[in-house]
Protein backbone atom coordinates (compact mmCIF):
# COMPACT_ATOMS: atom_id res chain seq x y z
CA UNK A 1 -8.91 12.66 10.36
CA UNK A 2 -12.77 11.34 10.03
CA UNK A 3 -12.75 9.04 13.57
CA UNK A 4 -13.29 5.22 12.03
CA UNK A 5 -9.67 5.33 11.73
CA UNK A 6 -8.92 5.78 15.08
CA UNK A 7 -9.58 4.04 18.12
CA UNK A 8 -12.04 5.28 21.35
CA UNK A 9 -13.17 3.41 24.35
CA UNK A 10 -16.90 2.05 23.96
CA UNK A 11 -17.84 4.26 25.88
CA UNK A 12 -16.89 6.92 24.00
CA UNK A 13 -18.02 5.31 21.17
CA UNK A 14 -21.65 4.39 22.08
CA UNK A 15 -21.70 8.52 23.17
CA UNK A 16 -20.78 9.66 20.02
CA UNK A 17 -23.59 7.45 18.03
CA UNK A 18 -25.82 8.93 20.23
CA UNK A 19 -24.71 12.69 19.65
CA UNK A 20 -24.32 11.67 15.94
CA UNK A 21 -27.50 10.91 15.39
CA UNK A 22 -29.19 14.09 17.51
CA UNK A 23 -27.26 16.03 15.02
CA UNK A 24 -28.42 14.28 11.86
CA UNK A 25 -31.96 15.02 12.76
CA UNK A 26 -31.15 18.90 12.76
CA UNK A 27 -31.95 20.91 10.48
CA UNK A 28 -28.33 21.68 8.57
CA UNK A 29 -30.01 24.89 7.14
CA UNK A 30 -27.74 27.38 5.26
CA UNK A 31 -26.41 25.14 2.25
CA UNK A 32 -27.81 27.29 -0.46
CA UNK A 33 -27.68 30.66 0.94
CA UNK A 34 -26.48 33.38 -1.31
CA UNK A 35 -24.68 36.07 1.32
CA UNK A 36 -27.96 37.49 2.00
CA UNK A 37 -29.34 34.44 4.12
CA UNK A 38 -26.00 33.97 6.79
CA UNK A 39 -27.56 31.14 8.55
CA UNK A 40 -25.00 28.38 8.01
CA UNK A 41 -24.16 24.87 9.55
CA UNK A 42 -20.91 23.29 10.23
CA UNK A 43 -20.96 19.28 10.22
CA UNK A 44 -18.17 18.55 12.70
CA UNK A 45 -16.49 14.66 12.47
CA UNK A 46 -16.56 13.85 15.81
CA UNK A 47 -18.24 15.21 18.81
CA UNK A 48 -17.03 18.33 21.04
CA UNK A 49 -13.62 17.73 22.14
CA UNK A 50 -10.80 20.34 22.09
CA UNK A 51 -9.69 19.83 18.58
CA UNK A 52 -12.96 21.56 17.69
CA UNK A 53 -11.93 24.12 20.72
CA UNK A 54 -12.09 26.90 18.68
CA UNK A 55 -15.63 26.56 17.18
CA UNK A 56 -16.71 26.87 20.33
CA UNK A 57 -14.55 29.63 21.45
CA UNK A 58 -16.26 31.57 18.50
CA UNK A 59 -19.64 31.05 19.74
CA UNK A 60 -18.74 31.63 22.99
CA UNK A 61 -16.56 34.87 22.26
CA UNK A 62 -19.33 36.27 19.85
CA UNK A 63 -16.98 35.77 16.87
CA UNK A 64 -19.50 34.00 14.47
CA UNK A 65 -22.25 37.00 15.19
CA UNK A 66 -19.51 39.86 15.11
CA UNK A 67 -18.92 38.45 10.86
CA UNK A 68 -22.45 38.56 11.27
CA UNK A 69 -23.39 34.63 10.70
CA UNK A 70 -25.57 32.62 12.68
CA UNK A 71 -23.80 29.20 12.84
CA UNK A 72 -25.09 25.80 13.86
CA UNK A 73 -22.44 23.16 15.15
CA UNK A 74 -23.16 19.74 14.30
CA UNK A 75 -21.90 16.92 16.16
CA UNK A 76 -20.39 14.00 14.35
CA UNK A 77 -19.41 10.83 14.91
CA UNK A 78 -18.28 7.36 13.48
CA UNK A 79 -21.23 6.49 10.58
CA UNK A 80 -21.68 10.92 10.25
CA UNK A 81 -19.71 11.30 6.40
CA UNK A 82 -18.89 14.72 6.80
CA UNK A 83 -17.48 14.85 3.51
CA UNK A 84 -20.13 13.54 1.48
CA UNK A 85 -22.90 15.81 3.00
CA UNK A 86 -20.88 18.83 2.12
CA UNK A 87 -19.73 17.54 -1.15
CA UNK A 88 -23.73 16.56 -1.81
CA UNK A 89 -24.50 20.47 -0.46
CA UNK A 90 -26.41 18.81 2.30
CA UNK A 91 -24.42 21.29 4.61
CA UNK A 92 -22.31 23.97 3.65
CA UNK A 93 -19.19 23.30 5.72
CA UNK A 94 -17.85 20.28 7.47
CA UNK A 95 -14.58 18.90 8.94
CA UNK A 96 -12.43 16.65 7.14
CA UNK A 97 -9.38 15.03 6.58
CA UNK A 98 -6.62 16.60 4.01
CA UNK A 99 -6.14 12.98 2.42
CA UNK A 100 -10.18 12.46 2.56
CA UNK A 101 -10.66 15.52 0.44
CA UNK A 102 -8.35 14.69 -2.44
CA UNK A 103 -9.54 11.39 -2.30
CA UNK A 104 -12.80 12.12 -2.76
CA UNK A 105 -12.66 15.02 -5.58
CA UNK A 106 -10.52 12.48 -7.51
CA UNK A 107 -13.49 10.44 -7.57
CA UNK A 108 -15.49 13.18 -8.54
CA UNK A 109 -16.47 15.24 -5.34
CA UNK A 110 -15.67 19.58 -5.28
CA UNK A 111 -14.83 19.98 -1.92
CA UNK A 112 -12.53 23.16 -1.33
CA UNK A 113 -10.39 23.68 1.80
CA UNK A 114 -10.79 27.12 3.27
CA UNK A 115 -9.15 26.19 6.90
CA UNK A 116 -7.66 24.18 8.57
CA UNK A 117 -7.34 23.05 12.78
CA UNK A 118 -4.13 21.32 12.63
CA UNK A 119 -0.91 22.10 11.00
CA UNK A 120 0.54 18.63 12.25
CA UNK A 121 -1.21 15.67 12.00
CA UNK A 122 -2.20 14.68 15.40
CA UNK A 123 -1.95 10.51 14.21
CA UNK A 124 0.74 8.88 16.15
CA UNK A 125 1.88 5.77 17.76
CA UNK A 126 2.22 4.90 21.14
CA UNK A 127 3.54 2.43 23.06
CA UNK A 128 4.26 1.91 27.08
CA UNK A 129 6.62 4.16 28.69
CA UNK A 130 8.75 1.27 29.66
CA UNK A 131 9.01 0.09 25.71
CA UNK A 132 12.65 -0.07 24.26
CA UNK A 133 11.71 1.20 21.33
CA UNK A 134 13.22 5.30 21.68
CA UNK A 135 11.94 6.39 18.46
CA UNK A 136 9.22 5.48 15.42
CA UNK A 137 11.96 4.26 12.86
CA UNK A 138 13.49 1.99 15.57
CA UNK A 139 9.75 0.99 16.14
CA UNK A 140 8.90 0.12 12.67
CA UNK A 141 12.44 -1.54 12.21
CA UNK A 142 11.53 -3.89 14.63
CA UNK A 143 9.48 -7.03 15.46
CA UNK A 144 6.90 -5.57 17.37
CA UNK A 145 3.38 -5.69 17.15
CA UNK A 146 1.29 -2.76 16.40
CA UNK A 147 -2.57 -2.28 16.67
CA UNK A 148 -3.35 -0.46 13.72
CA UNK A 149 -5.24 0.14 11.03
CA UNK A 150 -3.04 -1.25 7.98
CA UNK A 151 -4.36 0.09 5.07
CA UNK A 152 -4.12 3.74 6.31
CA UNK A 153 -1.68 5.66 4.19
CA UNK A 154 0.65 6.85 6.92
CA UNK A 155 1.22 2.94 7.41
CA UNK A 156 2.27 2.57 3.70
CA UNK A 157 4.39 5.50 4.09
CA UNK A 158 6.13 4.17 6.98
CA UNK A 159 6.40 0.51 5.26
CA UNK A 160 8.57 2.55 2.56
CA UNK A 161 10.52 4.24 4.57
CA UNK A 162 11.40 1.96 6.97
CA UNK A 163 10.84 -1.58 6.33
CA UNK A 164 8.26 -2.57 8.44
CA UNK A 165 8.50 -6.11 6.74
CA UNK A 166 9.33 -7.77 10.48
CA UNK A 167 6.43 -5.80 12.35
CA UNK A 168 2.94 -7.86 13.24
CA UNK A 169 -0.14 -5.56 12.66
CA UNK A 170 -3.24 -6.34 14.45
CA UNK A 171 -6.62 -4.49 14.18
CA UNK A 172 -7.26 -2.81 16.88
CA UNK A 173 -10.59 -2.28 18.89
CA UNK A 174 -12.52 0.43 20.07
CA UNK A 175 -11.36 -0.29 23.92
CA UNK A 176 -7.65 0.31 25.04
CA UNK A 177 -8.12 -3.04 27.11
CA UNK A 178 -5.43 -5.09 24.69
CA UNK A 179 -2.80 -1.97 25.20
CA UNK A 180 -3.26 -1.57 28.87
CA UNK A 181 -2.99 -5.42 29.74
CA UNK A 182 -0.16 -6.06 27.49
CA UNK A 183 3.37 -3.79 27.85
CA UNK A 184 4.54 -5.18 24.35
CA UNK A 185 1.65 -3.57 22.28
CA UNK A 186 2.26 -0.61 20.29
CA UNK A 187 -0.96 1.35 18.99
CA UNK A 188 -2.22 3.95 16.83
CA UNK A 189 -3.32 7.05 18.64
CA UNK A 190 -3.93 10.46 18.12
CA UNK A 191 -1.37 12.49 20.40
CA UNK A 192 -3.88 14.56 22.25
CA UNK A 193 -6.79 11.15 22.60
CA UNK A 194 -5.88 8.11 23.65
CA UNK A 195 -2.51 8.74 25.56
CA UNK A 196 -4.56 11.26 27.91
CA UNK A 197 -7.02 8.48 28.99
CA UNK A 198 -4.36 6.63 30.03
CA UNK A 199 -2.21 9.21 31.50
CA UNK A 200 -5.33 10.49 33.62
CA UNK A 201 -5.68 6.46 34.17
CA UNK A 202 -1.91 6.53 35.45
CA UNK A 203 -0.51 4.65 32.83
CA UNK A 204 2.41 6.16 31.21
CA UNK A 205 3.05 6.32 27.33
CA UNK A 206 5.98 7.29 24.80
CA UNK A 207 4.20 8.78 22.02
CA UNK A 208 5.95 8.53 18.37
CA UNK A 209 4.18 11.75 15.90
CA UNK A 210 3.93 10.49 12.51
CA UNK A 211 4.77 13.90 10.99
CA UNK A 212 7.94 13.32 12.30
CA UNK A 213 8.18 10.71 9.38
CA UNK A 214 7.59 13.35 6.45
CA UNK A 215 4.08 12.43 5.99
CA UNK A 216 1.60 15.28 7.96
CA UNK A 217 -1.12 16.12 5.86
CA UNK A 218 -3.42 18.85 7.03
CA UNK A 219 -6.21 17.57 9.29
CA UNK A 220 -8.97 18.88 10.91
CA UNK A 221 -9.86 20.93 7.38
CA UNK A 222 -12.69 22.97 7.00
CA UNK A 223 -14.11 22.56 3.70
CA UNK A 224 -16.82 23.75 1.29
CA UNK A 225 -18.20 22.70 -2.00
CA UNK A 226 -17.64 24.73 -4.93
CA UNK A 227 -20.71 25.81 -5.71
CA UNK A 228 -20.97 27.10 -2.51
CA UNK A 229 -17.78 29.12 -2.25
CA UNK A 230 -18.75 30.26 -5.90
CA UNK A 231 -22.13 31.88 -4.92
CA UNK A 232 -21.04 32.66 -1.23
CA UNK A 233 -17.62 34.02 -1.21
CA UNK A 234 -18.41 36.60 1.77
CA UNK A 235 -19.58 33.99 4.05
CA UNK A 236 -16.68 31.80 3.54
CA UNK A 237 -14.43 35.16 4.06
CA UNK A 238 -16.01 35.73 7.22
CA UNK A 239 -16.36 32.26 8.71
CA UNK A 240 -12.54 31.93 8.28
CA UNK A 241 -12.06 35.04 9.48
CA UNK A 242 -14.30 34.24 12.65
CA UNK A 243 -12.30 30.57 12.82
CA UNK A 244 -8.65 32.43 13.38
CA UNK A 245 -10.16 34.70 16.15
CA UNK A 246 -12.00 31.49 17.90
CA UNK A 247 -9.35 29.64 17.89
CA UNK A 248 -6.72 32.42 18.56
CA UNK A 249 -8.90 33.03 21.87
CA UNK A 250 -8.83 28.81 22.69
CA UNK A 251 -5.53 28.68 22.39
CA UNK A 252 -5.11 31.85 24.76
CA UNK A 253 -7.83 30.58 27.27
CA UNK A 254 -9.30 27.25 26.83
CA UNK A 255 -11.42 27.44 30.00
CA UNK A 256 -14.84 28.69 28.65
CA UNK A 257 -15.15 26.62 25.82
CA UNK A 258 -13.64 23.36 27.38
CA UNK A 259 -16.45 23.59 30.03
CA UNK A 260 -19.27 24.04 27.56
CA UNK A 261 -17.88 21.08 25.30
CA UNK A 262 -17.67 18.97 28.74
CA UNK A 263 -21.67 19.28 28.68
CA UNK A 264 -22.35 18.52 25.51
CA UNK A 265 -20.06 15.66 25.76
CA UNK A 266 -19.88 14.32 29.48
CA UNK A 267 -17.97 11.22 28.37
CA UNK A 268 -14.74 13.20 28.53
CA UNK A 269 -13.99 15.27 31.83
CA UNK A 270 -12.98 18.93 31.67
CA UNK A 271 -9.38 17.53 33.48
CA UNK A 272 -9.45 15.27 30.02
CA UNK A 273 -10.31 18.07 27.98
CA UNK A 274 -7.98 20.68 29.79
CA UNK A 275 -4.72 17.79 28.93
CA UNK A 276 -5.93 17.40 25.71
CA UNK A 277 -5.78 21.35 24.80
CA UNK A 278 -2.16 21.92 26.17
CA UNK A 279 -1.26 18.55 24.12
CA UNK A 280 -2.69 19.65 20.66
CA UNK A 281 -1.45 23.45 20.84
CA UNK A 282 2.00 22.23 19.04
CA UNK A 283 -0.49 20.48 16.22
CA UNK A 284 -2.36 24.03 15.94
CA UNK A 285 0.12 26.64 15.55
CA UNK A 286 3.97 27.40 14.04
CA UNK A 287 6.23 29.28 12.07
CA UNK A 288 3.65 29.29 9.32
CA UNK A 289 0.30 30.43 11.37
CA UNK A 290 2.73 33.37 13.30
CA UNK A 291 3.37 34.76 10.26
CA UNK A 292 0.48 34.84 8.71
CA UNK A 293 -3.11 33.19 10.89
CA UNK A 294 -4.31 30.08 12.25
CA UNK A 295 -5.73 28.23 10.06
CA UNK A 296 -3.26 29.06 7.05
CA UNK A 297 -2.52 26.62 4.33
CA UNK A 298 0.30 26.53 1.68
CA UNK A 299 0.00 25.22 -2.02
CA UNK A 300 3.22 23.26 -1.32
CA UNK A 301 1.59 21.55 1.52
CA UNK A 302 -1.35 20.09 -0.29
CA UNK A 303 0.96 19.47 -3.36
CA UNK A 304 3.84 17.45 -1.17
CA UNK A 305 0.46 15.45 0.34
CA UNK A 306 -1.24 14.85 -2.92
CA UNK A 307 2.25 13.93 -4.59
CA UNK A 308 2.95 11.76 -1.43
CA UNK A 309 -0.61 9.89 -1.86
CA UNK A 310 -0.19 9.35 -5.67
CA UNK A 311 3.60 7.60 -4.95
CA UNK A 312 1.59 5.45 -2.26
CA UNK A 313 -1.24 4.53 -5.09
CA UNK A 314 -4.04 6.19 -2.36
CA UNK A 315 -4.30 8.85 -6.04
CA UNK A 316 -3.83 7.73 -9.42
CA UNK A 317 -2.59 11.74 -10.32
CA UNK A 318 -1.46 15.02 -8.49
CA UNK A 319 -4.31 17.89 -9.00
CA UNK A 320 -3.81 20.23 -11.74
CA UNK A 321 -5.41 22.99 -9.24
CA UNK A 322 -3.71 23.38 -6.23
CA UNK A 323 -4.26 26.88 -4.89
CA UNK A 324 -7.94 28.15 -6.09
CA UNK A 325 -8.92 24.59 -6.71
CA UNK A 326 -7.68 21.77 -3.61
CA UNK A 327 -7.98 25.24 -1.25
CA UNK A 328 -8.38 28.88 -0.95
CA UNK A 329 -8.48 31.02 1.51
CA UNK A 330 -8.81 35.10 2.28
CA UNK A 331 -6.11 37.30 3.42
CA UNK A 332 -5.45 38.34 6.77
CA UNK A 333 -7.67 41.15 7.48
CA UNK A 334 -5.62 43.04 10.52
CA UNK A 335 -2.32 41.51 10.65
CA UNK A 336 -1.24 37.53 12.09
CA UNK A 337 -4.00 36.34 13.96
CA UNK A 338 -2.55 33.88 16.62
CA UNK A 339 -1.27 34.08 19.64
CA UNK A 340 2.28 34.75 20.45
CA UNK A 341 3.38 31.49 23.38
CA UNK A 342 6.60 29.97 21.84
CA UNK A 343 5.52 26.04 21.25
CA UNK A 344 7.77 23.04 21.89
CA UNK A 345 8.76 20.68 19.19
CA UNK A 346 6.45 17.56 18.39
CA UNK A 347 8.00 14.85 19.60
CA UNK A 348 8.96 16.91 23.23
CA UNK A 349 5.33 18.06 22.90
CA UNK A 350 3.05 14.86 22.51
CA UNK A 351 4.90 13.16 25.42
CA UNK A 352 5.08 15.88 27.87
CA UNK A 353 2.86 14.98 30.77
CA UNK A 354 0.25 17.20 32.72
CA UNK A 355 2.32 17.33 36.17
């Protein structure tokens, strides 16, 4: 999910812009590789934070190097169109949302998903801990005020599921000040982002993951364009393998990667990095990844998302080719690549305290 659709603090937004400009000024390289040149770039859609922890872990542990890949990770931000950069061939790989891939391809794009960081969409609605709302459905059927982007697909979906006719939807800013100062306000968030910031400031929240409603797009999707995949299948295969191992390593112990990302993104403290990594784990691995590998995708999930977006009027039709068309992935080389630690249910993990 691209960050323009999620609120952040003003300070973080300023830091992001600086890092994004620095990233865009670098030579992305690798956009015309033919398997001989294995120097490639990955355009991220935000700055270094735990949602990209496995990428940095793969660098630190030598997973990219072991795959004979020289990988440049380019920081993103609110003004960096990662999907368009990949579709146009400016960079060979980028990170986008599942819905973004489907929408862009319907408009003539040629993106192919090869890996997904999140099995569970991080999008959520947060309320203050003392709020009377105990579930997302209860909140959506109330007359509460919600700071969100009402044009997003999940809002349309929740309106169809639960009504929402009595809600008052207001735009949110890049600051959390309105939420902090209004105990009755509900606000759009990522489960491992805004609630973490507030928790470290001593403000308790209750978080309702949108995925519990049945709308659960793949998020943090690594994409390439069709031409690059067709010309460089071995590079794409090795990129996926390295990311699987990098993410498995990050889930086992995120310490080194978090320390490295904090240096690159000092706007986020190491304490916040560690807490975010803990809160996002349940979204990265599930029964599918434990049976296959981290980053694994299924045709059923992609088809469901396409059908939902079509029903919501966000797509004209469901793509005819899902597996091999919308997404491509190599088989697991040596058994499942995933940590063995069990994960908590979505609601419990989202509201779990650091203490």
